[in-house]
Amino acid sequence: MLTTLLFTVLIIVICVALLAVKVIVKKGGEFPNTHIEGNKALGEKGIYCAKTQHRQAMNPRNLEERMKGMK
């Protein structure tokens, strides 16, 4: 029983270390930003997270401001 528990903990530690290799080895390394806000291509297409889209919808703009945003 104890052997199985220790073996399981060892496997989990190895898996976590392998997932974090880039972060540990690279100077100034950090985990990649997987949120929608971190994706430049989606931002250029005007696709944002639900919170940002809701905030934008609740902030009405006049016609002039909307036309400037289309350029």
PDB file of N, CA and C in Angstrom:
ATOM      1  N   MET A   1       0.823  -1.189   0.000  1.00  0.00           N
ATOM      2  CA  MET A   1       0.000   0.000   0.000  1.00  0.00           C
ATOM      3  C   MET A   1       0.870   1.257   0.000  1.00  0.00           C
ATOM      4  N   LEU A   2       1.824   1.314   0.902  1.00  0.00           N
ATOM      5  CA  LEU A   2       2.710   2.476   0.995  1.00  0.00           C
ATOM      6  C   LEU A   2       3.568   2.587  -0.263  1.00  0.00           C
ATOM      7  N   THR A   3       4.002   1.454  -0.797  1.00  0.00           N
ATOM      8  CA  THR A   3       4.807   1.453  -2.017  1.00  0.00           C
ATOM      9  C   THR A   3       4.010   2.032  -3.182  1.00  0.00           C
ATOM     10  N   THR A   4       2.757   1.664  -3.289  1.00  0.00           N
ATOM     11  CA  THR A   4       1.903   2.176  -4.358  1.00  0.00           C
ATOM     12  C   THR A   4       1.698   3.677  -4.215  1.00  0.00           C
ATOM     13  N   LEU A   5       1.482   4.146  -3.015  1.00  0.00           N
ATOM     14  CA  LEU A   5       1.298   5.573  -2.766  1.00  0.00           C
ATOM     15  C   LEU A   5       2.555   6.357  -3.130  1.00  0.00           C
ATOM     16  N   LEU A   6       3.708   5.872  -2.695  1.00  0.00           N
ATOM     17  CA  LEU A   6       4.968   6.559  -3.018  1.00  0.00           C
ATOM     18  C   LEU A   6       5.237   6.548  -4.525  1.00  0.00           C
ATOM     19  N   PHE A   7       4.940   5.445  -5.184  1.00  0.00           N
ATOM     20  CA  PHE A   7       5.126   5.347  -6.623  1.00  0.00           C
ATOM     21  C   PHE A   7       4.219   6.341  -7.356  1.00  0.00           C
ATOM     22  N   THR A   8       2.990   6.476  -6.891  1.00  0.00           N
ATOM     23  CA  THR A   8       2.034   7.409  -7.486  1.00  0.00           C
ATOM     24  C   THR A   8       2.494   8.853  -7.300  1.00  0.00           C
ATOM     25  N   VAL A   9       2.950   9.185  -6.107  1.00  0.00           N
ATOM     26  CA  VAL A   9       3.444  10.537  -5.838  1.00  0.00           C
ATOM     27  C   VAL A   9       4.667  10.826  -6.703  1.00  0.00           C
ATOM     28  N   LEU A  10       5.550   9.858  -6.865  1.00  0.00           N
ATOM     29  CA  LEU A  10       6.734  10.029  -7.702  1.00  0.00           C
ATOM     30  C   LEU A  10       6.342  10.293  -9.155  1.00  0.00           C
ATOM     31  N   ILE A  11       5.384   9.565  -9.662  1.00  0.00           N
ATOM     32  CA  ILE A  11       4.920   9.765 -11.040  1.00  0.00           C
ATOM     33  C   ILE A  11       4.322  11.164 -11.208  1.00  0.00           C
ATOM     34  N   ILE A  12       3.546  11.609 -10.247  1.00  0.00           N
ATOM     35  CA  ILE A  12       2.937  12.943 -10.319  1.00  0.00           C
ATOM     36  C   ILE A  12       4.012  14.023 -10.297  1.00  0.00           C
ATOM     37  N   VAL A  13       5.019  13.872  -9.441  1.00  0.00           N
ATOM     38  CA  VAL A  13       6.108  14.847  -9.368  1.00  0.00           C
ATOM     39  C   VAL A  13       6.871  14.898 -10.690  1.00  0.00           C
ATOM     40  N   ILE A  14       7.139  13.756 -11.286  1.00  0.00           N
ATOM     41  CA  ILE A  14       7.843  13.714 -12.569  1.00  0.00           C
ATOM     42  C   ILE A  14       7.009  14.395 -13.658  1.00  0.00           C
ATOM     43  N   CYS A  15       5.710  14.135 -13.679  1.00  0.00           N
ATOM     44  CA  CYS A  15       4.828  14.747 -14.683  1.00  0.00           C
ATOM     45  C   CYS A  15       4.793  16.263 -14.539  1.00  0.00           C
ATOM     46  N   VAL A  16       4.677  16.759 -13.336  1.00  0.00           N
ATOM     47  CA  VAL A  16       4.654  18.201 -13.113  1.00  0.00           C
ATOM     48  C   VAL A  16       5.986  18.822 -13.525  1.00  0.00           C
ATOM     49  N   ALA A  17       7.092  18.166 -13.198  1.00  0.00           N
ATOM     50  CA  ALA A  17       8.404  18.678 -13.584  1.00  0.00           C
ATOM     51  C   ALA A  17       8.550  18.716 -15.102  1.00  0.00           C
ATOM     52  N   LEU A  18       8.074  17.708 -15.793  1.00  0.00           N
ATOM     53  CA  LEU A  18       8.164  17.691 -17.252  1.00  0.00           C
ATOM     54  C   LEU A  18       7.280  18.767 -17.879  1.00  0.00           C
ATOM     55  N   LEU A  19       6.132  19.035 -17.297  1.00  0.00           N
ATOM     56  CA  LEU A  19       5.275  20.094 -17.806  1.00  0.00           C
ATOM     57  C   LEU A  19       5.890  21.475 -17.607  1.00  0.00           C
ATOM     58  N   ALA A  20       6.711  21.619 -16.584  1.00  0.00           N
ATOM     59  CA  ALA A  20       7.290  22.916 -16.258  1.00  0.00           C
ATOM     60  C   ALA A  20       8.737  23.063 -16.719  1.00  0.00           C
ATOM     61  N   VAL A  21       9.219  22.166 -17.584  1.00  0.00           N
ATOM     62  CA  VAL A  21      10.621  22.220 -18.022  1.00  0.00           C
ATOM     63  C   VAL A  21      10.959  23.569 -18.632  1.00  0.00           C
ATOM     64  N   LYS A  22      10.131  24.066 -19.525  1.00  0.00           N
ATOM     65  CA  LYS A  22      10.410  25.343 -20.189  1.00  0.00           C
ATOM     66  C   LYS A  22      10.468  26.486 -19.173  1.00  0.00           C
ATOM     67  N   VAL A  23       9.582  26.453 -18.203  1.00  0.00           N
ATOM     68  CA  VAL A  23       9.544  27.504 -17.196  1.00  0.00           C
ATOM     69  C   VAL A  23      10.774  27.436 -16.297  1.00  0.00           C
ATOM     70  N   ILE A  24      11.188  26.249 -15.955  1.00  0.00           N
ATOM     71  CA  ILE A  24      12.316  26.076 -15.041  1.00  0.00           C
ATOM     72  C   ILE A  24      13.645  26.375 -15.732  1.00  0.00           C
ATOM     73  N   VAL A  25      13.825  25.891 -16.958  1.00  0.00           N
ATOM     74  CA  VAL A  25      15.108  25.986 -17.649  1.00  0.00           C
ATOM     75  C   VAL A  25      15.334  27.366 -18.264  1.00  0.00           C
ATOM     76  N   LYS A  26      14.331  27.927 -18.898  1.00  0.00           N
ATOM     77  CA  LYS A  26      14.475  29.189 -19.611  1.00  0.00           C
ATOM     78  C   LYS A  26      14.545  30.348 -18.623  1.00  0.00           C
ATOM     79  N   LYS A  27      15.506  31.244 -18.846  1.00  0.00           N
ATOM     80  CA  LYS A  27      15.634  32.400 -17.972  1.00  0.00           C
ATOM     81  C   LYS A  27      14.452  33.335 -18.212  1.00  0.00           C
ATOM     82  N   GLY A  28      13.756  33.689 -17.170  1.00  0.00           N
ATOM     83  CA  GLY A  28      12.570  34.521 -17.291  1.00  0.00           C
ATOM     84  C   GLY A  28      11.395  33.773 -17.891  1.00  0.00           C
ATOM     85  N   GLY A  29      11.453  32.459 -17.867  1.00  0.00           N
ATOM     86  CA  GLY A  29      10.386  31.654 -18.457  1.00  0.00           C
ATOM     87  C   GLY A  29       9.099  31.744 -17.655  1.00  0.00           C
ATOM     88  N   GLU A  30       8.000  31.641 -18.351  1.00  0.00           N
ATOM     89  CA  GLU A  30       6.702  31.644 -17.691  1.00  0.00           C
ATOM     90  C   GLU A  30       5.747  30.792 -18.507  1.00  0.00           C
ATOM     91  N   PHE A  31       4.678  30.362 -17.877  1.00  0.00           N
ATOM     92  CA  PHE A  31       3.694  29.556 -18.571  1.00  0.00           C
ATOM     93  C   PHE A  31       3.015  30.409 -19.639  1.00  0.00           C
ATOM     94  N   PRO A  32       2.662  29.816 -20.756  1.00  0.00           N
ATOM     95  CA  PRO A  32       2.020  30.605 -21.817  1.00  0.00           C
ATOM     96  C   PRO A  32       0.640  31.093 -21.399  1.00  0.00           C
ATOM     97  N   ASN A  33       0.273  32.255 -21.913  1.00  0.00           N
ATOM     98  CA  ASN A  33      -1.036  32.819 -21.632  1.00  0.00           C
ATOM     99  C   ASN A  33      -2.032  32.183 -22.586  1.00  0.00           C
ATOM    100  N   THR A  34      -2.930  31.379 -22.076  1.00  0.00           N
ATOM    101  CA  THR A  34      -3.878  30.671 -22.921  1.00  0.00           C
ATOM    102  C   THR A  34      -5.255  31.329 -22.932  1.00  0.00           C
ATOM    103  N   HIS A  35      -5.376  32.483 -22.302  1.00  0.00           N
ATOM    104  CA  HIS A  35      -6.646  33.187 -22.305  1.00  0.00           C
ATOM    105  C   HIS A  35      -6.854  33.886 -23.644  1.00  0.00           C
ATOM    106  N   ILE A  36      -8.080  34.205 -23.942  1.00  0.00           N
ATOM    107  CA  ILE A  36      -8.408  34.869 -25.201  1.00  0.00           C
ATOM    108  C   ILE A  36      -7.693  36.214 -25.295  1.00  0.00           C
ATOM    109  N   GLU A  37      -7.548  36.915 -24.182  1.00  0.00           N
ATOM    110  CA  GLU A  37      -6.884  38.220 -24.203  1.00  0.00           C
ATOM    111  C   GLU A  37      -5.425  38.112 -24.635  1.00  0.00           C
ATOM    112  N   GLY A  38      -4.814  36.952 -24.432  1.00  0.00           N
ATOM    113  CA  GLY A  38      -3.415  36.765 -24.785  1.00  0.00           C
ATOM    114  C   GLY A  38      -3.197  36.400 -26.240  1.00  0.00           C
ATOM    115  N   ASN A  39      -4.254  36.190 -26.994  1.00  0.00           N
ATOM    116  CA  ASN A  39      -4.143  35.800 -28.391  1.00  0.00           C
ATOM    117  C   ASN A  39      -4.302  37.031 -29.276  1.00  0.00           C
ATOM    118  N   LYS A  40      -3.212  37.455 -29.928  1.00  0.00           N
ATOM    119  CA  LYS A  40      -3.223  38.672 -30.739  1.00  0.00           C
ATOM    120  C   LYS A  40      -4.126  38.530 -31.960  1.00  0.00           C
ATOM    121  N   ALA A  41      -4.140  37.362 -32.587  1.00  0.00           N
ATOM    122  CA  ALA A  41      -4.943  37.165 -33.796  1.00  0.00           C
ATOM    123  C   ALA A  41      -6.431  37.328 -33.495  1.00  0.00           C
ATOM    124  N   LEU A  42      -6.881  36.801 -32.368  1.00  0.00           N
ATOM    125  CA  LEU A  42      -8.291  36.954 -32.010  1.00  0.00           C
ATOM    126  C   LEU A  42      -8.619  38.404 -31.679  1.00  0.00           C
ATOM    127  N   GLY A  43      -7.693  39.098 -31.032  1.00  0.00           N
ATOM    128  CA  GLY A  43      -7.904  40.503 -30.713  1.00  0.00           C
ATOM    129  C   GLY A  43      -8.034  41.360 -31.961  1.00  0.00           C
ATOM    130  N   GLU A  44      -7.228  41.037 -32.982  1.00  0.00           N
ATOM    131  CA  GLU A  44      -7.307  41.784 -34.241  1.00  0.00           C
ATOM    132  C   GLU A  44      -8.639  41.554 -34.941  1.00  0.00           C
ATOM    133  N   LYS A  45      -9.231  40.395 -34.735  1.00  0.00           N
ATOM    134  CA  LYS A  45     -10.533  40.090 -35.347  1.00  0.00           C
ATOM    135  C   LYS A  45     -11.687  40.638 -34.510  1.00  0.00           C
ATOM    136  N   GLY A  46     -11.380  41.198 -33.347  1.00  0.00           N
ATOM    137  CA  GLY A  46     -12.425  41.752 -32.492  1.00  0.00           C
ATOM    138  C   GLY A  46     -13.094  40.729 -31.610  1.00  0.00           C
ATOM    139  N   ILE A  47     -12.426  39.601 -31.367  1.00  0.00           N
ATOM    140  CA  ILE A  47     -12.980  38.551 -30.523  1.00  0.00           C
ATOM    141  C   ILE A  47     -12.345  38.674 -29.138  1.00  0.00           C
ATOM    142  N   TYR A  48     -13.173  38.846 -28.127  1.00  0.00           N
ATOM    143  CA  TYR A  48     -12.698  39.019 -26.763  1.00  0.00           C
ATOM    144  C   TYR A  48     -13.424  38.046 -25.848  1.00  0.00           C
ATOM    145  N   CYS A  49     -13.021  38.022 -24.590  1.00  0.00           N
ATOM    146  CA  CYS A  49     -13.699  37.157 -23.625  1.00  0.00           C
ATOM    147  C   CYS A  49     -15.090  37.716 -23.332  1.00  0.00           C
ATOM    148  N   ALA A  50     -15.913  36.925 -22.711  1.00  0.00           N
ATOM    149  CA  ALA A  50     -17.302  37.307 -22.449  1.00  0.00           C
ATOM    150  C   ALA A  50     -17.387  38.548 -21.560  1.00  0.00           C
ATOM    151  N   LYS A  51     -16.507  38.664 -20.590  1.00  0.00           N
ATOM    152  CA  LYS A  51     -16.537  39.823 -19.699  1.00  0.00           C
ATOM    153  C   LYS A  51     -16.234  41.112 -20.464  1.00  0.00           C
ATOM    154  N   THR A  52     -15.244  41.071 -21.336  1.00  0.00           N
ATOM    155  CA  THR A  52     -14.883  42.253 -22.113  1.00  0.00           C
ATOM    156  C   THR A  52     -16.006  42.615 -23.077  1.00  0.00           C
ATOM    157  N   GLN A  53     -16.579  41.624 -23.740  1.00  0.00           N
ATOM    158  CA  GLN A  53     -17.670  41.897 -24.666  1.00  0.00           C
ATOM    159  C   GLN A  53     -18.879  42.478 -23.937  1.00  0.00           C
ATOM    160  N   HIS A  54     -19.164  41.989 -22.751  1.00  0.00           N
ATOM    161  CA  HIS A  54     -20.279  42.527 -21.976  1.00  0.00           C
ATOM    162  C   HIS A  54     -20.006  43.973 -21.580  1.00  0.00           C
ATOM    163  N   ARG A  55     -18.784  44.263 -21.140  1.00  0.00           N
ATOM    164  CA  ARG A  55     -18.413  45.625 -20.754  1.00  0.00           C
ATOM    165  C   ARG A  55     -18.548  46.571 -21.950  1.00  0.00           C
ATOM    166  N   GLN A  56     -18.117  46.114 -23.136  1.00  0.00           N
ATOM    167  CA  GLN A  56     -18.238  46.940 -24.330  1.00  0.00           C
ATOM    168  C   GLN A  56     -19.707  47.162 -24.705  1.00  0.00           C
ATOM    169  N   ALA A  57     -20.526  46.147 -24.551  1.00  0.00           N
ATOM    170  CA  ALA A  57     -21.935  46.279 -24.884  1.00  0.00           C
ATOM    171  C   ALA A  57     -22.650  47.231 -23.925  1.00  0.00           C
ATOM    172  N   MET A  58     -22.203  47.286 -22.699  1.00  0.00           N
ATOM    173  CA  MET A  58     -22.846  48.148 -21.710  1.00  0.00           C
ATOM    174  C   MET A  58     -22.343  49.588 -21.790  1.00  0.00           C
ATOM    175  N   ASN A  59     -21.329  49.850 -22.605  1.00  0.00           N
ATOM    176  CA  ASN A  59     -20.768  51.183 -22.765  1.00  0.00           C
ATOM    177  C   ASN A  59     -21.138  51.697 -24.155  1.00  0.00           C
ATOM    178  N   PRO A  60     -22.335  52.280 -24.314  1.00  0.00           N
ATOM    179  CA  PRO A  60     -22.763  52.714 -25.634  1.00  0.00           C
ATOM    180  C   PRO A  60     -21.903  53.874 -26.140  1.00  0.00           C
ATOM    181  N   ARG A  61     -21.631  53.844 -27.432  1.00  0.00           N
ATOM    182  CA  ARG A  61     -20.842  54.903 -28.064  1.00  0.00           C
ATOM    183  C   ARG A  61     -21.708  55.586 -29.113  1.00  0.00           C
ATOM    184  N   ASN A  62     -21.365  56.818 -29.420  1.00  0.00           N
ATOM    185  CA  ASN A  62     -22.114  57.515 -30.461  1.00  0.00           C
ATOM    186  C   ASN A  62     -21.588  57.102 -31.837  1.00  0.00           C
ATOM    187  N   LEU A  63     -22.248  57.561 -32.884  1.00  0.00           N
ATOM    188  CA  LEU A  63     -21.931  57.159 -34.244  1.00  0.00           C
ATOM    189  C   LEU A  63     -20.507  57.544 -34.631  1.00  0.00           C
ATOM    190  N   GLU A  64     -20.065  58.712 -34.225  1.00  0.00           N
ATOM    191  CA  GLU A  64     -18.724  59.170 -34.584  1.00  0.00           C
ATOM    192  C   GLU A  64     -17.648  58.241 -34.004  1.00  0.00           C
ATOM    193  N   GLU A  65     -17.799  57.840 -32.751  1.00  0.00           N
ATOM    194  CA  GLU A  65     -16.832  56.954 -32.121  1.00  0.00           C
ATOM    195  C   GLU A  65     -16.829  55.585 -32.778  1.00  0.00           C
ATOM    196  N   ARG A  66     -18.005  55.088 -33.167  1.00  0.00           N
ATOM    197  CA  ARG A  66     -18.081  53.792 -33.831  1.00  0.00           C
ATOM    198  C   ARG A  66     -17.431  53.828 -35.214  1.00  0.00           C
ATOM    199  N   MET A  67     -17.576  54.926 -35.915  1.00  0.00           N
ATOM    200  CA  MET A  67     -16.972  55.057 -37.250  1.00  0.00           C
ATOM    201  C   MET A  67     -15.451  55.121 -37.147  1.00  0.00           C
ATOM    202  N   LYS A  68     -14.923  55.766 -36.123  1.00  0.00           N
ATOM    203  CA  LYS A  68     -13.466  55.813 -35.925  1.00  0.00           C
ATOM    204  C   LYS A  68     -12.916  54.412 -35.670  1.00  0.00           C
ATOM    205  N   GLY A  69     -13.678  53.593 -34.982  1.00  0.00           N
ATOM    206  CA  GLY A  69     -13.249  52.236 -34.685  1.00  0.00           C
ATOM    207  C   GLY A  69     -13.243  51.319 -35.900  1.00  0.00           C
ATOM    208  N   MET A  70     -13.942  51.687 -36.954  1.00  0.00           N
ATOM    209  CA  MET A  70     -14.010  50.859 -38.149  1.00  0.00           C
ATOM    210  C   MET A  70     -12.832  51.077 -39.070  1.00  0.00           C
ATOM    211  N   LYS A  71     -12.097  52.165 -38.905  1.00  0.00           N
ATOM    212  CA  LYS A  71     -10.955  52.467 -39.789  1.00  0.00           C
ATOM    213  C   LYS A  71      -9.816  51.539 -39.563  1.00  0.00           C
TER     214      LYS A  71
END
